[in-house]
Amino acid sequence: MTIPRIAPYPLPQATELPQNRVRWRPHPQRAALLIHDMQEYFLDFYDRSAHPIPELIAQVERLRQAAYQLAIPVIYTAQPAQQSAAERGLLNDLWGPGLTALPESDGRAAIAAPLAPGADDTVLVKWRYSAFQRSPLQQLLEQQGRDQLIICGVYAHIGCQATAVDAFMRDIQPFLVADACADFSAPHQQQALNYVAQRCGVTLSLADLLQQLQAPQGEGRWSFDTLRQRVAGLLQIPATDLQGGDNLLDWGLDSIRTMTLMNGWQRLGAAIELPELAEAMTLDAWWQLLQQRLPARHLAEVPHGAT
């Protein structure tokens, strides 16, 4: 009824990953990083000196440092040390009392020391498989204009997969980092990777994720064409379909994606607020505003409206 002891196994290689049904790409201005349940308690079911734990911790730390460098919000989940039977609910039937059964549960509830949360990181109390359940995770993402969730941690086929499915159901694109997760066994982990890739998100290696996040995103020097390409990318349509006077609401551009753009411009020094963007939802109006508000070093030397 409790979590079984977990035998050593290697993390999956890039060549072993399933094919994804969708071609979503992570973007640093759209994504948040979720470090899922990397608590001492859950890692204690492994041999901490054997595969996959040393590699897992190193991979998660690489991912976290990349998130810091790219200004991607970092969010942790952690089950509380003390949980009443009512708070655990049906988890008791499947897994027993969990951390509460341990006399030293307060210490085992901590995030693994090498991954201890930073001062600006968010730690959510975890009550069920999905990190969204009984937590403000969705509100946090909305407030920061984030509609992508990068998921790593343990256990892949339980909480990580459930969170990915829940994100998809909320129109948040999930990315499961295959070699920054661990599970009960290699087959259990492969099960989770296959499901996410085929049913709700993107499964990818850490190397591919970092390459995509760090690829040029077109936000260093803006032109009208850069703006059009970025908006088209958010809408997942060809840039040539968008005209300067088109109402972007008619194309389906929502407030979350608009905030994604706004947050990126604010980081570049532009004093732009959401009501100004909402006042005229066209590329022409936004480009005029960018020319007025973006520092000159972030504007390409291209005539207004040039493509």
C-alpha atoms as a PDB file:
ATOM      1  CA  MET A   1       0.000   0.000   0.000  1.00  0.00           C
ATOM      2  CA  THR A   2       3.013   2.266   0.213  1.00  0.00           C
ATOM      3  CA  ILE A   3       5.499   3.276  -2.486  1.00  0.00           C
ATOM      4  CA  PRO A   4       7.732   0.294  -3.383  1.00  0.00           C
ATOM      5  CA  ARG A   5      11.495   0.284  -3.155  1.00  0.00           C
ATOM      6  CA  ILE A   6      12.789   1.349  -6.567  1.00  0.00           C
ATOM      7  CA  ALA A   7      15.581  -0.569  -8.289  1.00  0.00           C
ATOM      8  CA  PRO A   8      18.276   1.394 -10.153  1.00  0.00           C
ATOM      9  CA  TYR A   9      17.689   2.104 -13.839  1.00  0.00           C
ATOM     10  CA  PRO A  10      19.163   4.610 -16.331  1.00  0.00           C
ATOM     11  CA  LEU A  11      17.357   7.722 -17.470  1.00  0.00           C
ATOM     12  CA  PRO A  12      16.032   7.553 -21.049  1.00  0.00           C
ATOM     13  CA  GLN A  13      18.244   8.640 -23.921  1.00  0.00           C
ATOM     14  CA  ALA A  14      17.126  11.052 -26.626  1.00  0.00           C
ATOM     15  CA  THR A  15      16.964   8.195 -29.144  1.00  0.00           C
ATOM     16  CA  GLU A  16      14.410   6.403 -26.954  1.00  0.00           C
ATOM     17  CA  LEU A  17      11.858   9.202 -26.834  1.00  0.00           C
ATOM     18  CA  PRO A  18       8.443   8.845 -28.503  1.00  0.00           C
ATOM     19  CA  GLN A  19       7.324  10.950 -31.440  1.00  0.00           C
ATOM     20  CA  ASN A  20       5.154  13.908 -30.474  1.00  0.00           C
ATOM     21  CA  ARG A  21       1.786  14.554 -32.100  1.00  0.00           C
ATOM     22  CA  VAL A  22       2.175  18.329 -31.842  1.00  0.00           C
ATOM     23  CA  ARG A  23       5.069  20.637 -32.689  1.00  0.00           C
ATOM     24  CA  TRP A  24       4.810  23.070 -29.816  1.00  0.00           C
ATOM     25  CA  ARG A  25       8.046  24.842 -28.911  1.00  0.00           C
ATOM     26  CA  PRO A  26       8.836  26.180 -25.445  1.00  0.00           C
ATOM     27  CA  HIS A  27       9.371  29.914 -25.239  1.00  0.00           C
ATOM     28  CA  PRO A  28      11.072  31.690 -22.311  1.00  0.00           C
ATOM     29  CA  GLN A  29       8.440  34.432 -22.234  1.00  0.00           C
ATOM     30  CA  ARG A  30       5.579  31.935 -22.190  1.00  0.00           C
ATOM     31  CA  ALA A  31       6.896  29.149 -19.948  1.00  0.00           C
ATOM     32  CA  ALA A  32       7.090  28.420 -16.236  1.00  0.00           C
ATOM     33  CA  LEU A  33       9.157  25.598 -14.731  1.00  0.00           C
ATOM     34  CA  LEU A  34       7.510  23.124 -12.350  1.00  0.00           C
ATOM     35  CA  ILE A  35       9.874  21.063 -10.168  1.00  0.00           C
ATOM     36  CA  HIS A  36       7.533  18.308  -9.086  1.00  0.00           C
ATOM     37  CA  ASP A  37       7.752  16.612  -5.660  1.00  0.00           C
ATOM     38  CA  MET A  38      11.555  16.496  -5.434  1.00  0.00           C
ATOM     39  CA  GLN A  39      11.299  15.888  -1.685  1.00  0.00           C
ATOM     40  CA  GLU A  40      13.632  13.799   0.431  1.00  0.00           C
ATOM     41  CA  TYR A  41      10.754  11.448   1.239  1.00  0.00           C
ATOM     42  CA  PHE A  42      10.079  10.501  -2.377  1.00  0.00           C
ATOM     43  CA  LEU A  43      13.764  10.180  -3.254  1.00  0.00           C
ATOM     44  CA  ASP A  44      14.347   7.884  -0.256  1.00  0.00           C
ATOM     45  CA  PHE A  45      12.638   5.025  -2.121  1.00  0.00           C
ATOM     46  CA  TYR A  46      15.650   4.913  -4.466  1.00  0.00           C
ATOM     47  CA  ASP A  47      19.248   4.022  -3.786  1.00  0.00           C
ATOM     48  CA  ARG A  48      20.368   7.639  -3.670  1.00  0.00           C
ATOM     49  CA  SER A  49      23.876   6.739  -4.892  1.00  0.00           C
ATOM     50  CA  ALA A  50      22.698   4.769  -7.945  1.00  0.00           C
ATOM     51  CA  HIS A  51      20.885   5.522 -11.216  1.00  0.00           C
ATOM     52  CA  PRO A  52      18.826   7.540 -11.754  1.00  0.00           C
ATOM     53  CA  ILE A  53      19.034   9.878  -8.734  1.00  0.00           C
ATOM     54  CA  PRO A  54      22.458  11.545  -9.126  1.00  0.00           C
ATOM     55  CA  GLU A  55      21.724  12.214 -12.801  1.00  0.00           C
ATOM     56  CA  LEU A  56      18.177  13.351 -12.039  1.00  0.00           C
ATOM     57  CA  ILE A  57      19.294  15.927  -9.485  1.00  0.00           C
ATOM     58  CA  ALA A  58      22.010  17.196 -11.830  1.00  0.00           C
ATOM     59  CA  GLN A  59      19.544  17.510 -14.725  1.00  0.00           C
ATOM     60  CA  VAL A  60      16.932  19.316 -12.664  1.00  0.00           C
ATOM     61  CA  GLU A  61      19.580  21.719 -11.389  1.00  0.00           C
ATOM     62  CA  ARG A  62      20.732  22.436 -14.957  1.00  0.00           C
ATOM     63  CA  LEU A  63      17.136  23.141 -15.898  1.00  0.00           C
ATOM     64  CA  ARG A  64      16.595  25.379 -12.891  1.00  0.00           C
ATOM     65  CA  GLN A  65      19.724  27.429 -13.590  1.00  0.00           C
ATOM     66  CA  ALA A  66      18.631  27.880 -17.202  1.00  0.00           C
ATOM     67  CA  ALA A  67      15.239  29.075 -15.964  1.00  0.00           C
ATOM     68  CA  TYR A  68      16.884  31.649 -13.725  1.00  0.00           C
ATOM     69  CA  GLN A  69      19.019  32.912 -16.613  1.00  0.00           C
ATOM     70  CA  LEU A  70      15.998  33.232 -18.900  1.00  0.00           C
ATOM     71  CA  ALA A  71      13.721  34.820 -16.272  1.00  0.00           C
ATOM     72  CA  ILE A  72      11.406  31.792 -16.326  1.00  0.00           C
ATOM     73  CA  PRO A  73       9.392  31.502 -13.082  1.00  0.00           C
ATOM     74  CA  VAL A  74      10.361  28.465 -10.975  1.00  0.00           C
ATOM     75  CA  ILE A  75       7.598  26.687  -9.056  1.00  0.00           C
ATOM     76  CA  TYR A  76       7.922  23.687  -6.724  1.00  0.00           C
ATOM     77  CA  THR A  77       5.361  21.253  -5.385  1.00  0.00           C
ATOM     78  CA  ALA A  78       5.768  19.597  -1.999  1.00  0.00           C
ATOM     79  CA  GLN A  79       3.424  17.459   0.059  1.00  0.00           C
ATOM     80  CA  PRO A  80       3.071  18.680   3.645  1.00  0.00           C
ATOM     81  CA  ALA A  81       4.630  16.679   6.461  1.00  0.00           C
ATOM     82  CA  GLN A  82       1.375  16.545   8.384  1.00  0.00           C
ATOM     83  CA  GLN A  83      -1.872  15.592   6.652  1.00  0.00           C
ATOM     84  CA  SER A  84      -5.096  14.531   8.268  1.00  0.00           C
ATOM     85  CA  ALA A  85      -7.010  11.528   6.969  1.00  0.00           C
ATOM     86  CA  ALA A  86      -9.597  13.903   5.528  1.00  0.00           C
ATOM     87  CA  GLU A  87      -6.936  15.952   3.743  1.00  0.00           C
ATOM     88  CA  ARG A  88      -5.391  12.831   2.187  1.00  0.00           C
ATOM     89  CA  GLY A  89      -8.771  11.411   1.229  1.00  0.00           C
ATOM     90  CA  LEU A  90      -8.526   8.534  -1.252  1.00  0.00           C
ATOM     91  CA  LEU A  91      -4.724   8.700  -1.263  1.00  0.00           C
ATOM     92  CA  ASN A  92      -4.910   6.745   1.997  1.00  0.00           C
ATOM     93  CA  ASP A  93      -6.531   3.805   0.212  1.00  0.00           C
ATOM     94  CA  LEU A  94      -3.838   3.620  -2.449  1.00  0.00           C
ATOM     95  CA  TRP A  95      -0.687   4.772  -0.661  1.00  0.00           C
ATOM     96  CA  GLY A  96      -1.346   4.779   3.069  1.00  0.00           C
ATOM     97  CA  PRO A  97      -0.583   7.766   5.315  1.00  0.00           C
ATOM     98  CA  GLY A  98       2.481   8.911   3.348  1.00  0.00           C
ATOM     99  CA  LEU A  99       4.850  11.327   5.042  1.00  0.00           C
ATOM    100  CA  THR A 100       2.637  11.504   8.106  1.00  0.00           C
ATOM    101  CA  ALA A 101       3.663   7.960   9.067  1.00  0.00           C
ATOM    102  CA  LEU A 102       7.305   8.963   9.585  1.00  0.00           C
ATOM    103  CA  PRO A 103       8.437  10.291  12.967  1.00  0.00           C
ATOM    104  CA  GLU A 104      10.986  12.434  11.116  1.00  0.00           C
ATOM    105  CA  SER A 105       8.475  13.520   8.485  1.00  0.00           C
ATOM    106  CA  ASP A 106       9.177  17.229   8.918  1.00  0.00           C
ATOM    107  CA  GLY A 107      12.725  16.715   7.671  1.00  0.00           C
ATOM    108  CA  ARG A 108      11.803  14.266   4.909  1.00  0.00           C
ATOM    109  CA  ALA A 109       9.223  16.716   3.530  1.00  0.00           C
ATOM    110  CA  ALA A 110      11.992  19.124   2.548  1.00  0.00           C
ATOM    111  CA  ILE A 111      13.033  19.576  -1.061  1.00  0.00           C
ATOM    112  CA  ALA A 112      16.288  17.702  -1.760  1.00  0.00           C
ATOM    113  CA  ALA A 113      19.093  19.935  -0.494  1.00  0.00           C
ATOM    114  CA  PRO A 114      20.878  20.488  -3.851  1.00  0.00           C
ATOM    115  CA  LEU A 115      17.596  21.817  -5.245  1.00  0.00           C
ATOM    116  CA  ALA A 116      16.476  23.932  -2.282  1.00  0.00           C
ATOM    117  CA  PRO A 117      14.121  26.674  -3.527  1.00  0.00           C
ATOM    118  CA  GLY A 118      15.538  30.139  -4.059  1.00  0.00           C
ATOM    119  CA  ALA A 119      14.183  33.287  -2.436  1.00  0.00           C
ATOM    120  CA  ASP A 120      12.092  34.201  -5.492  1.00  0.00           C
ATOM    121  CA  ASP A 121      10.802  30.691  -6.191  1.00  0.00           C
ATOM    122  CA  THR A 122       7.255  29.594  -5.372  1.00  0.00           C
ATOM    123  CA  VAL A 123       6.501  26.456  -3.344  1.00  0.00           C
ATOM    124  CA  LEU A 124       2.966  25.081  -3.644  1.00  0.00           C
ATOM    125  CA  VAL A 125       1.421  22.670  -1.177  1.00  0.00           C
ATOM    126  CA  LYS A 126       0.684  19.426  -3.029  1.00  0.00           C
ATOM    127  CA  TRP A 127      -2.535  17.628  -2.127  1.00  0.00           C
ATOM    128  CA  ARG A 128      -3.283  15.371  -5.120  1.00  0.00           C
ATOM    129  CA  TYR A 129      -1.546  13.929  -8.173  1.00  0.00           C
ATOM    130  CA  SER A 130      -2.030  17.064 -10.256  1.00  0.00           C
ATOM    131  CA  ALA A 131      -0.219  20.199  -9.110  1.00  0.00           C
ATOM    132  CA  PHE A 132      -3.290  22.203 -10.159  1.00  0.00           C
ATOM    133  CA  GLN A 133      -5.626  20.567  -7.654  1.00  0.00           C
ATOM    134  CA  ARG A 134      -6.338  22.655  -4.531  1.00  0.00           C
ATOM    135  CA  SER A 135      -3.544  25.068  -5.478  1.00  0.00           C
ATOM    136  CA  PRO A 136      -3.250  28.527  -7.070  1.00  0.00           C
ATOM    137  CA  LEU A 137      -1.011  27.230  -9.886  1.00  0.00           C
ATOM    138  CA  GLN A 138      -3.320  28.279 -12.711  1.00  0.00           C
ATOM    139  CA  GLN A 139      -3.779  31.737 -11.205  1.00  0.00           C
ATOM    140  CA  LEU A 140      -0.012  32.142 -10.819  1.00  0.00           C
ATOM    141  CA  LEU A 141       0.497  31.302 -14.474  1.00  0.00           C
ATOM    142  CA  GLU A 142      -2.252  33.662 -15.597  1.00  0.00           C
ATOM    143  CA  GLN A 143      -0.897  36.522 -13.488  1.00  0.00           C
ATOM    144  CA  GLN A 144       2.511  36.151 -15.118  1.00  0.00           C
ATOM    145  CA  GLY A 145       1.168  35.713 -18.628  1.00  0.00           C
ATOM    146  CA  ARG A 146       2.411  32.114 -18.871  1.00  0.00           C
ATOM    147  CA  ASP A 147       0.650  29.488 -20.954  1.00  0.00           C
ATOM    148  CA  GLN A 148       3.347  26.816 -21.064  1.00  0.00           C
ATOM    149  CA  LEU A 149       4.489  24.526 -18.242  1.00  0.00           C
ATOM    150  CA  ILE A 150       7.822  22.691 -18.223  1.00  0.00           C
ATOM    151  CA  ILE A 151       7.562  19.665 -15.917  1.00  0.00           C
ATOM    152  CA  CYS A 152      10.363  17.695 -14.240  1.00  0.00           C
ATOM    153  CA  GLY A 153      10.732  15.638 -11.067  1.00  0.00           C
ATOM    154  CA  VAL A 154       9.048  12.507  -9.649  1.00  0.00           C
ATOM    155  CA  TYR A 155       7.123  10.350 -10.261  1.00  0.00           C
ATOM    156  CA  ALA A 156       6.702  10.560 -14.026  1.00  0.00           C
ATOM    157  CA  HIS A 157       3.688   8.273 -14.475  1.00  0.00           C
ATOM    158  CA  ILE A 158       1.793   9.647 -11.469  1.00  0.00           C
ATOM    159  CA  GLY A 159       2.024  13.326 -10.557  1.00  0.00           C
ATOM    160  CA  CYS A 160       4.047  14.518 -13.551  1.00  0.00           C
ATOM    161  CA  GLN A 161       1.700  12.896 -16.050  1.00  0.00           C
ATOM    162  CA  ALA A 162      -1.428  13.972 -14.169  1.00  0.00           C
ATOM    163  CA  THR A 163      -0.184  17.561 -14.048  1.00  0.00           C
ATOM    164  CA  ALA A 164       0.565  17.491 -17.782  1.00  0.00           C
ATOM    165  CA  VAL A 165      -2.954  16.239 -18.538  1.00  0.00           C
ATOM    166  CA  ASP A 166      -4.488  18.838 -16.240  1.00  0.00           C
ATOM    167  CA  ALA A 167      -2.432  21.606 -17.889  1.00  0.00           C
ATOM    168  CA  PHE A 168      -3.669  20.502 -21.315  1.00  0.00           C
ATOM    169  CA  MET A 169      -7.264  20.556 -20.072  1.00  0.00           C
ATOM    170  CA  ARG A 170      -6.700  24.190 -19.044  1.00  0.00           C
ATOM    171  CA  ASP A 171      -5.178  25.201 -22.426  1.00  0.00           C
ATOM    172  CA  ILE A 172      -1.668  25.338 -20.972  1.00  0.00           C
ATOM    173  CA  GLN A 173       0.942  23.606 -23.125  1.00  0.00           C
ATOM    174  CA  PRO A 174       2.850  20.998 -21.074  1.00  0.00           C
ATOM    175  CA  PHE A 175       6.449  19.944 -21.783  1.00  0.00           C
ATOM    176  CA  LEU A 176       7.653  16.816 -19.968  1.00  0.00           C
ATOM    177  CA  VAL A 177      11.458  16.705 -19.760  1.00  0.00           C
ATOM    178  CA  ALA A 178      12.198  13.009 -20.231  1.00  0.00           C
ATOM    179  CA  ASP A 179      15.670  12.888 -18.666  1.00  0.00           C
ATOM    180  CA  ALA A 180      14.802  15.280 -15.835  1.00  0.00           C
ATOM    181  CA  CYS A 181      12.102  12.937 -14.478  1.00  0.00           C
ATOM    182  CA  ALA A 182      12.272   9.633 -12.621  1.00  0.00           C
ATOM    183  CA  ASP A 183       9.765   6.901 -11.867  1.00  0.00           C
ATOM    184  CA  PHE A 184       9.204   3.471 -10.317  1.00  0.00           C
ATOM    185  CA  SER A 185      11.008   1.834 -13.255  1.00  0.00           C
ATOM    186  CA  ALA A 186      12.069   2.454 -16.841  1.00  0.00           C
ATOM    187  CA  PRO A 187       8.787   0.961 -18.195  1.00  0.00           C
ATOM    188  CA  HIS A 188       6.715   3.187 -15.908  1.00  0.00           C
ATOM    189  CA  GLN A 189       8.646   6.217 -17.105  1.00  0.00           C
ATOM    190  CA  GLN A 190       8.289   5.232 -20.745  1.00  0.00           C
ATOM    191  CA  GLN A 191       4.552   4.858 -20.195  1.00  0.00           C
ATOM    192  CA  ALA A 192       4.364   8.473 -19.033  1.00  0.00           C
ATOM    193  CA  LEU A 193       6.527   9.770 -21.877  1.00  0.00           C
ATOM    194  CA  ASN A 194       4.399   7.957 -24.451  1.00  0.00           C
ATOM    195  CA  TYR A 195       1.132   9.197 -22.998  1.00  0.00           C
ATOM    196  CA  VAL A 196       2.164  12.839 -22.841  1.00  0.00           C
ATOM    197  CA  ALA A 197       3.659  12.769 -26.343  1.00  0.00           C
ATOM    198  CA  GLN A 198       0.533  11.233 -27.834  1.00  0.00           C
ATOM    199  CA  ARG A 199      -2.295  12.709 -25.783  1.00  0.00           C
ATOM    200  CA  CYS A 200      -1.591  16.030 -24.133  1.00  0.00           C
ATOM    201  CA  GLY A 201       1.798  17.644 -24.682  1.00  0.00           C
ATOM    202  CA  VAL A 202       5.403  17.393 -25.760  1.00  0.00           C
ATOM    203  CA  THR A 203       8.043  14.979 -24.468  1.00  0.00           C
ATOM    204  CA  LEU A 204      11.614  16.069 -25.055  1.00  0.00           C
ATOM    205  CA  SER A 205      15.144  15.768 -23.730  1.00  0.00           C
ATOM    206  CA  LEU A 206      16.758  18.418 -21.569  1.00  0.00           C
ATOM    207  CA  ALA A 207      19.287  19.161 -24.313  1.00  0.00           C
ATOM    208  CA  ASP A 208      16.514  19.799 -26.851  1.00  0.00           C
ATOM    209  CA  LEU A 209      14.535  21.883 -24.386  1.00  0.00           C
ATOM    210  CA  LEU A 210      17.506  24.122 -23.575  1.00  0.00           C
ATOM    211  CA  GLN A 211      18.382  24.493 -27.244  1.00  0.00           C
ATOM    212  CA  GLN A 212      14.851  25.605 -28.070  1.00  0.00           C
ATOM    213  CA  LEU A 213      14.610  27.967 -25.094  1.00  0.00           C
ATOM    214  CA  GLN A 214      17.948  29.584 -25.863  1.00  0.00           C
ATOM    215  CA  ALA A 215      17.416  29.859 -29.612  1.00  0.00           C
ATOM    216  CA  PRO A 216      16.984  33.413 -30.916  1.00  0.00           C
ATOM    217  CA  GLN A 217      13.416  34.452 -30.227  1.00  0.00           C
ATOM    218  CA  GLY A 218      13.397  37.716 -32.146  1.00  0.00           C
ATOM    219  CA  GLU A 219      12.999  39.952 -29.083  1.00  0.00           C
ATOM    220  CA  GLY A 220      16.430  41.600 -29.166  1.00  0.00           C
ATOM    221  CA  ARG A 221      15.682  44.047 -32.009  1.00  0.00           C
ATOM    222  CA  TRP A 222      12.091  44.546 -33.014  1.00  0.00           C
ATOM    223  CA  SER A 223      10.666  45.495 -36.400  1.00  0.00           C
ATOM    224  CA  PHE A 224       7.133  45.358 -37.734  1.00  0.00           C
ATOM    225  CA  ASP A 225       7.959  41.993 -39.273  1.00  0.00           C
ATOM    226  CA  THR A 226       9.343  40.703 -35.955  1.00  0.00           C
ATOM    227  CA  LEU A 227       6.092  41.716 -34.288  1.00  0.00           C
ATOM    228  CA  ARG A 228       4.019  39.999 -36.949  1.00  0.00           C
ATOM    229  CA  GLN A 229       6.063  36.798 -36.698  1.00  0.00           C
ATOM    230  CA  ARG A 230       5.823  36.709 -32.895  1.00  0.00           C
ATOM    231  CA  VAL A 231       2.057  37.221 -32.889  1.00  0.00           C
ATOM    232  CA  ALA A 232       1.619  34.636 -35.645  1.00  0.00           C
ATOM    233  CA  GLY A 233       3.731  32.215 -33.636  1.00  0.00           C
ATOM    234  CA  LEU A 234       1.497  32.651 -30.604  1.00  0.00           C
ATOM    235  CA  LEU A 235      -1.548  32.047 -32.815  1.00  0.00           C
ATOM    236  CA  GLN A 236       0.176  29.144 -34.613  1.00  0.00           C
ATOM    237  CA  ILE A 237      -0.663  30.539 -38.054  1.00  0.00           C
ATOM    238  CA  PRO A 238       1.562  31.649 -40.962  1.00  0.00           C
ATOM    239  CA  ALA A 239       2.851  35.193 -40.506  1.00  0.00           C
ATOM    240  CA  THR A 240       1.786  36.025 -44.066  1.00  0.00           C
ATOM    241  CA  ASP A 241      -1.865  35.546 -43.033  1.00  0.00           C
ATOM    242  CA  LEU A 242      -1.718  38.560 -40.694  1.00  0.00           C
ATOM    243  CA  GLN A 243      -2.256  42.090 -41.997  1.00  0.00           C
ATOM    244  CA  GLY A 244      -1.417  45.274 -40.112  1.00  0.00           C
ATOM    245  CA  GLY A 245      -5.029  46.357 -39.654  1.00  0.00           C
ATOM    246  CA  ASP A 246      -6.462  42.968 -38.681  1.00  0.00           C
ATOM    247  CA  ASN A 247      -8.282  42.819 -35.355  1.00  0.00           C
ATOM    248  CA  LEU A 248      -6.167  40.324 -33.417  1.00  0.00           C
ATOM    249  CA  LEU A 249      -9.162  39.356 -31.282  1.00  0.00           C
ATOM    250  CA  ASP A 250     -10.780  37.983 -34.421  1.00  0.00           C
ATOM    251  CA  TRP A 251      -7.735  35.780 -34.884  1.00  0.00           C
ATOM    252  CA  GLY A 252      -8.144  34.417 -31.337  1.00  0.00           C
ATOM    253  CA  LEU A 253      -5.383  36.326 -29.525  1.00  0.00           C
ATOM    254  CA  ASP A 254      -6.362  36.172 -25.850  1.00  0.00           C
ATOM    255  CA  SER A 255      -5.240  38.165 -22.818  1.00  0.00           C
ATOM    256  CA  ILE A 256      -2.720  35.550 -21.658  1.00  0.00           C
ATOM    257  CA  ARG A 257      -0.806  35.643 -24.952  1.00  0.00           C
ATOM    258  CA  THR A 258      -1.064  39.429 -25.037  1.00  0.00           C
ATOM    259  CA  MET A 259       0.455  39.537 -21.548  1.00  0.00           C
ATOM    260  CA  THR A 260       3.240  37.261 -22.748  1.00  0.00           C
ATOM    261  CA  LEU A 261       4.198  39.880 -25.322  1.00  0.00           C
ATOM    262  CA  MET A 262       3.753  42.749 -22.866  1.00  0.00           C
ATOM    263  CA  ASN A 263       5.947  41.115 -20.227  1.00  0.00           C
ATOM    264  CA  GLY A 264       8.724  40.640 -22.777  1.00  0.00           C
ATOM    265  CA  TRP A 265       8.549  44.288 -23.840  1.00  0.00           C
ATOM    266  CA  GLN A 266       8.538  45.456 -20.240  1.00  0.00           C
ATOM    267  CA  ARG A 267      11.712  43.473 -19.574  1.00  0.00           C
ATOM    268  CA  LEU A 268      13.296  45.369 -22.474  1.00  0.00           C
ATOM    269  CA  GLY A 269      12.384  48.671 -20.838  1.00  0.00           C
ATOM    270  CA  ALA A 270       9.104  49.563 -22.552  1.00  0.00           C
ATOM    271  CA  ALA A 271       6.481  51.161 -20.278  1.00  0.00           C
ATOM    272  CA  ILE A 272       3.503  49.409 -21.852  1.00  0.00           C
ATOM    273  CA  GLU A 273       0.421  48.231 -19.985  1.00  0.00           C
ATOM    274  CA  LEU A 274      -2.326  45.809 -20.952  1.00  0.00           C
ATOM    275  CA  PRO A 275      -5.128  48.416 -21.316  1.00  0.00           C
ATOM    276  CA  GLU A 276      -3.041  50.255 -23.933  1.00  0.00           C
ATOM    277  CA  LEU A 277      -2.656  47.075 -25.965  1.00  0.00           C
ATOM    278  CA  ALA A 278      -6.326  46.193 -25.551  1.00  0.00           C
ATOM    279  CA  GLU A 279      -7.400  49.638 -26.784  1.00  0.00           C
ATOM    280  CA  ALA A 280      -6.355  48.843 -30.364  1.00  0.00           C
ATOM    281  CA  MET A 281      -5.706  45.167 -31.037  1.00  0.00           C
ATOM    282  CA  THR A 282      -3.926  45.526 -34.376  1.00  0.00           C
ATOM    283  CA  LEU A 283      -0.331  45.073 -35.467  1.00  0.00           C
ATOM    284  CA  ASP A 284      -0.232  48.638 -36.826  1.00  0.00           C
ATOM    285  CA  ALA A 285      -1.305  50.144 -33.494  1.00  0.00           C
ATOM    286  CA  TRP A 286       1.082  47.956 -31.494  1.00  0.00           C
ATOM    287  CA  TRP A 287       4.004  48.750 -33.772  1.00  0.00           C
ATOM    288  CA  GLN A 288       3.375  52.469 -33.384  1.00  0.00           C
ATOM    289  CA  LEU A 289       3.345  52.013 -29.595  1.00  0.00           C
ATOM    290  CA  LEU A 290       6.558  49.970 -29.662  1.00  0.00           C
ATOM    291  CA  GLN A 291       8.339  52.638 -31.679  1.00  0.00           C
ATOM    292  CA  GLN A 292       7.404  55.169 -29.019  1.00  0.00           C
ATOM    293  CA  ARG A 293       8.163  53.074 -25.935  1.00  0.00           C
ATOM    294  CA  LEU A 294      10.968  50.595 -26.722  1.00  0.00           C
ATOM    295  CA  PRO A 295      14.523  51.843 -26.149  1.00  0.00           C
ATOM    296  CA  ALA A 296      16.185  52.585 -29.486  1.00  0.00           C
ATOM    297  CA  ARG A 297      18.705  49.774 -29.048  1.00  0.00           C
ATOM    298  CA  HIS A 298      15.836  47.273 -29.250  1.00  0.00           C
ATOM    299  CA  LEU A 299      14.386  48.653 -32.488  1.00  0.00           C
ATOM    300  CA  ALA A 300      15.657  47.406 -35.827  1.00  0.00           C
ATOM    301  CA  GLU A 301      16.601  50.052 -38.350  1.00  0.00           C
ATOM    302  CA  VAL A 302      13.721  49.184 -40.652  1.00  0.00           C
ATOM    303  CA  PRO A 303      11.154  51.658 -42.014  1.00  0.00           C
ATOM    304  CA  HIS A 304       7.747  51.632 -40.339  1.00  0.00           C
ATOM    305  CA  GLY A 305       5.632  48.746 -41.580  1.00  0.00           C
ATOM    306  CA  ALA A 306       8.466  47.252 -43.619  1.00  0.00           C
ATOM    307  CA  THR A 307       8.491  43.517 -44.102  1.00  0.00           C
END
